Amino acid sequence: MICITWMRTLRYKILIRPETDGTYTVIVPSLPGCLTFGDTIEEALEMAKEAIDVYIESLISRGKEIPIEEDQIEATITVEANA
């Protein structure tokens, strides 16, 4: 039996949040629960790639659909608040 695997390049937007302890948290909004952190931005980015890979592998092993961001609209809203 021959198993053929197709590779597809997927792109995900991430949010990088600096923490008070000097580390960086990375959140992948399109992959619920997919988050990681690093001591530097570079390390956080590498950890994000690894977290996304593991997340997608988990979806595949469970026969779940892999979310893609092709149909999403991105926008930033600025508001003024008296805080």
N, C-alpha and C. Protein backbone atom coordinates (compact mmCIF):
# COMPACT_ATOMS: atom_id res chain seq x y z
N MET A 1 0.84 -1.18 0.00
CA MET A 1 0.00 0.00 0.00
C MET A 1 0.89 1.25 0.00
N ILE A 2 0.56 2.19 -0.86
CA ILE A 2 1.32 3.43 -0.95
C ILE A 2 0.49 4.55 -0.35
N CYS A 3 1.10 5.32 0.51
CA CYS A 3 0.43 6.46 1.13
C CYS A 3 1.02 7.74 0.55
N ILE A 4 0.19 8.54 -0.08
CA ILE A 4 0.66 9.80 -0.65
C ILE A 4 0.21 10.94 0.24
N THR A 5 1.14 11.78 0.61
CA THR A 5 0.84 12.93 1.44
C THR A 5 1.04 14.19 0.62
N TRP A 6 0.06 15.08 0.63
CA TRP A 6 0.14 16.35 -0.08
C TRP A 6 0.55 17.43 0.89
N MET A 7 1.50 18.23 0.49
CA MET A 7 1.93 19.36 1.32
C MET A 7 1.25 20.61 0.81
N ARG A 8 0.79 21.42 1.72
CA ARG A 8 0.13 22.67 1.38
C ARG A 8 0.69 23.74 2.30
N THR A 9 0.99 24.89 1.76
CA THR A 9 1.48 25.99 2.58
C THR A 9 0.29 26.74 3.15
N LEU A 10 0.24 26.83 4.45
CA LEU A 10 -0.83 27.55 5.14
C LEU A 10 -0.24 28.75 5.85
N ARG A 11 -0.98 29.84 5.88
CA ARG A 11 -0.54 31.05 6.58
C ARG A 11 -1.55 31.38 7.66
N TYR A 12 -1.05 31.71 8.84
CA TYR A 12 -1.91 32.08 9.95
C TYR A 12 -1.45 33.40 10.54
N LYS A 13 -2.40 34.26 10.83
CA LYS A 13 -2.09 35.50 11.53
C LYS A 13 -1.89 35.15 13.01
N ILE A 14 -0.95 35.83 13.63
CA ILE A 14 -0.70 35.60 15.05
C ILE A 14 -0.73 36.95 15.76
N LEU A 15 -0.98 36.90 17.04
CA LEU A 15 -0.90 38.07 17.90
C LEU A 15 0.24 37.85 18.87
N ILE A 16 1.13 38.82 18.99
CA ILE A 16 2.25 38.72 19.91
C ILE A 16 2.03 39.77 21.00
N ARG A 17 1.97 39.29 22.24
CA ARG A 17 1.71 40.18 23.37
C ARG A 17 2.90 40.17 24.32
N PRO A 18 3.52 41.34 24.55
CA PRO A 18 4.60 41.39 25.54
C PRO A 18 4.01 41.25 26.95
N GLU A 19 4.65 40.47 27.77
CA GLU A 19 4.19 40.25 29.15
C GLU A 19 5.03 41.08 30.12
N THR A 20 4.53 41.27 31.32
CA THR A 20 5.22 42.09 32.31
C THR A 20 6.55 41.49 32.76
N ASP A 21 6.71 40.17 32.59
CA ASP A 21 7.96 39.53 33.00
C ASP A 21 9.02 39.55 31.89
N GLY A 22 8.71 40.22 30.76
CA GLY A 22 9.68 40.32 29.67
C GLY A 22 9.56 39.25 28.61
N THR A 23 8.66 38.28 28.81
CA THR A 23 8.44 37.24 27.80
C THR A 23 7.37 37.71 26.81
N TYR A 24 7.12 36.88 25.80
CA TYR A 24 6.14 37.20 24.77
C TYR A 24 5.18 36.03 24.59
N THR A 25 3.89 36.32 24.65
CA THR A 25 2.87 35.31 24.41
C THR A 25 2.41 35.43 22.97
N VAL A 26 2.23 34.29 22.31
CA VAL A 26 1.74 34.26 20.93
C VAL A 26 0.41 33.52 20.92
N ILE A 27 -0.59 34.15 20.29
CA ILE A 27 -1.93 33.57 20.15
C ILE A 27 -2.22 33.42 18.65
N VAL A 28 -2.80 32.29 18.28
CA VAL A 28 -3.20 32.05 16.89
C VAL A 28 -4.73 32.06 16.87
N PRO A 29 -5.35 33.20 16.55
CA PRO A 29 -6.81 33.32 16.66
C PRO A 29 -7.61 32.31 15.85
N SER A 30 -7.12 31.89 14.71
CA SER A 30 -7.87 30.94 13.87
C SER A 30 -7.80 29.51 14.38
N LEU A 31 -6.91 29.25 15.33
CA LEU A 31 -6.76 27.91 15.90
C LEU A 31 -7.06 27.99 17.39
N PRO A 32 -8.32 27.86 17.78
CA PRO A 32 -8.72 28.03 19.18
C PRO A 32 -7.87 27.22 20.16
N GLY A 33 -7.32 27.90 21.15
CA GLY A 33 -6.50 27.25 22.15
C GLY A 33 -5.04 27.11 21.77
N CYS A 34 -4.68 27.54 20.58
CA CYS A 34 -3.29 27.44 20.13
C CYS A 34 -2.55 28.69 20.58
N LEU A 35 -1.72 28.53 21.60
CA LEU A 35 -0.90 29.63 22.07
C LEU A 35 0.39 29.10 22.64
N THR A 36 1.36 29.98 22.69
CA THR A 36 2.67 29.59 23.19
C THR A 36 3.38 30.86 23.65
N PHE A 37 4.65 30.74 24.05
CA PHE A 37 5.39 31.92 24.49
C PHE A 37 6.87 31.70 24.24
N GLY A 38 7.62 32.79 24.37
CA GLY A 38 9.07 32.72 24.25
C GLY A 38 9.71 33.84 25.04
N ASP A 39 10.98 33.68 25.32
CA ASP A 39 11.72 34.71 26.07
C ASP A 39 12.04 35.92 25.20
N THR A 40 12.10 35.71 23.88
CA THR A 40 12.33 36.80 22.93
C THR A 40 11.27 36.69 21.84
N ILE A 41 11.15 37.73 21.04
CA ILE A 41 10.19 37.66 19.93
C ILE A 41 10.60 36.55 18.96
N GLU A 42 11.87 36.43 18.68
CA GLU A 42 12.35 35.39 17.77
C GLU A 42 12.00 34.00 18.29
N GLU A 43 12.24 33.78 19.58
CA GLU A 43 11.91 32.48 20.18
C GLU A 43 10.40 32.25 20.16
N ALA A 44 9.63 33.29 20.43
CA ALA A 44 8.17 33.17 20.41
C ALA A 44 7.67 32.79 19.02
N LEU A 45 8.27 33.36 17.98
CA LEU A 45 7.89 33.02 16.61
C LEU A 45 8.21 31.57 16.28
N GLU A 46 9.38 31.10 16.70
CA GLU A 46 9.75 29.70 16.47
C GLU A 46 8.80 28.76 17.22
N MET A 47 8.48 29.14 18.45
CA MET A 47 7.56 28.33 19.24
C MET A 47 6.17 28.32 18.61
N ALA A 48 5.77 29.44 18.00
CA ALA A 48 4.47 29.53 17.33
C ALA A 48 4.42 28.56 16.15
N LYS A 49 5.49 28.50 15.36
CA LYS A 49 5.53 27.56 14.24
C LYS A 49 5.36 26.13 14.74
N GLU A 50 6.06 25.80 15.81
CA GLU A 50 5.97 24.45 16.38
C GLU A 50 4.55 24.18 16.90
N ALA A 51 3.97 25.16 17.60
CA ALA A 51 2.62 24.98 18.16
C ALA A 51 1.59 24.79 17.04
N ILE A 52 1.72 25.54 15.95
CA ILE A 52 0.81 25.41 14.81
C ILE A 52 0.97 24.03 14.18
N ASP A 53 2.19 23.58 14.00
CA ASP A 53 2.44 22.25 13.42
C ASP A 53 1.78 21.16 14.26
N VAL A 54 1.98 21.23 15.57
CA VAL A 54 1.41 20.22 16.47
C VAL A 54 -0.12 20.29 16.45
N TYR A 55 -0.66 21.49 16.43
CA TYR A 55 -2.11 21.68 16.40
C TYR A 55 -2.69 21.04 15.13
N ILE A 56 -2.08 21.33 13.99
CA ILE A 56 -2.58 20.79 12.72
C ILE A 56 -2.43 19.27 12.68
N GLU A 57 -1.31 18.74 13.16
CA GLU A 57 -1.12 17.29 13.22
C GLU A 57 -2.22 16.65 14.07
N SER A 58 -2.59 17.30 15.17
CA SER A 58 -3.64 16.78 16.04
C SER A 58 -4.98 16.76 15.31
N LEU A 59 -5.28 17.83 14.56
CA LEU A 59 -6.52 17.87 13.80
C LEU A 59 -6.56 16.74 12.77
N ILE A 60 -5.46 16.56 12.05
CA ILE A 60 -5.39 15.51 11.03
C ILE A 60 -5.58 14.13 11.65
N SER A 61 -4.91 13.87 12.77
CA SER A 61 -5.00 12.55 13.40
C SER A 61 -6.41 12.24 13.90
N ARG A 62 -7.19 13.30 14.18
CA ARG A 62 -8.57 13.11 14.65
C ARG A 62 -9.59 13.25 13.52
N GLY A 63 -9.09 13.42 12.29
CA GLY A 63 -9.98 13.53 11.15
C GLY A 63 -10.76 14.83 11.10
N LYS A 64 -10.24 15.86 11.73
CA LYS A 64 -10.91 17.17 11.77
C LYS A 64 -10.44 18.04 10.61
N GLU A 65 -11.27 19.01 10.27
CA GLU A 65 -10.94 19.96 9.21
C GLU A 65 -9.90 20.97 9.70
N ILE A 66 -8.97 21.32 8.83
CA ILE A 66 -7.94 22.30 9.18
C ILE A 66 -8.46 23.70 8.82
N PRO A 67 -8.56 24.59 9.80
CA PRO A 67 -9.03 25.95 9.51
C PRO A 67 -8.05 26.70 8.60
N ILE A 68 -8.59 27.44 7.66
CA ILE A 68 -7.77 28.29 6.81
C ILE A 68 -8.29 29.71 6.90
N GLU A 69 -7.45 30.66 6.57
CA GLU A 69 -7.81 32.07 6.74
C GLU A 69 -8.13 32.77 5.42
N GLU A 70 -8.32 32.04 4.36
CA GLU A 70 -8.52 32.65 3.05
C GLU A 70 -9.74 33.56 2.97
N ASP A 71 -10.80 33.24 3.68
CA ASP A 71 -12.04 34.00 3.59
C ASP A 71 -12.21 35.04 4.68
N GLN A 72 -11.17 35.33 5.43
CA GLN A 72 -11.29 36.26 6.54
C GLN A 72 -10.99 37.69 6.10
N ILE A 73 -11.62 38.60 6.79
CA ILE A 73 -11.36 40.03 6.60
C ILE A 73 -10.67 40.54 7.85
N GLU A 74 -9.58 41.25 7.67
CA GLU A 74 -8.84 41.77 8.80
C GLU A 74 -9.05 43.28 8.87
N ALA A 75 -9.29 43.78 10.07
CA ALA A 75 -9.46 45.20 10.27
C ALA A 75 -8.99 45.56 11.68
N THR A 76 -8.60 46.81 11.83
CA THR A 76 -8.24 47.34 13.14
C THR A 76 -9.16 48.51 13.43
N ILE A 77 -9.72 48.53 14.62
CA ILE A 77 -10.62 49.60 15.01
C ILE A 77 -9.97 50.39 16.15
N THR A 78 -9.98 51.71 16.03
CA THR A 78 -9.45 52.58 17.07
C THR A 78 -10.60 53.28 17.75
N VAL A 79 -10.62 53.25 19.08
CA VAL A 79 -11.66 53.93 19.84
C VAL A 79 -11.01 54.81 20.89
N GLU A 80 -11.70 55.84 21.28
CA GLU A 80 -11.22 56.67 22.38
C GLU A 80 -12.03 56.32 23.61
N ALA A 81 -11.34 56.19 24.73
CA ALA A 81 -12.01 55.82 25.96
C ALA A 81 -11.47 56.67 27.10
N ASN A 82 -12.34 57.05 27.99
CA ASN A 82 -11.94 57.77 29.20
C ASN A 82 -11.66 56.74 30.27
N ALA A 83 -10.43 56.26 30.29
CA ALA A 83 -10.10 55.20 31.24
C ALA A 83 -9.17 55.73 32.30
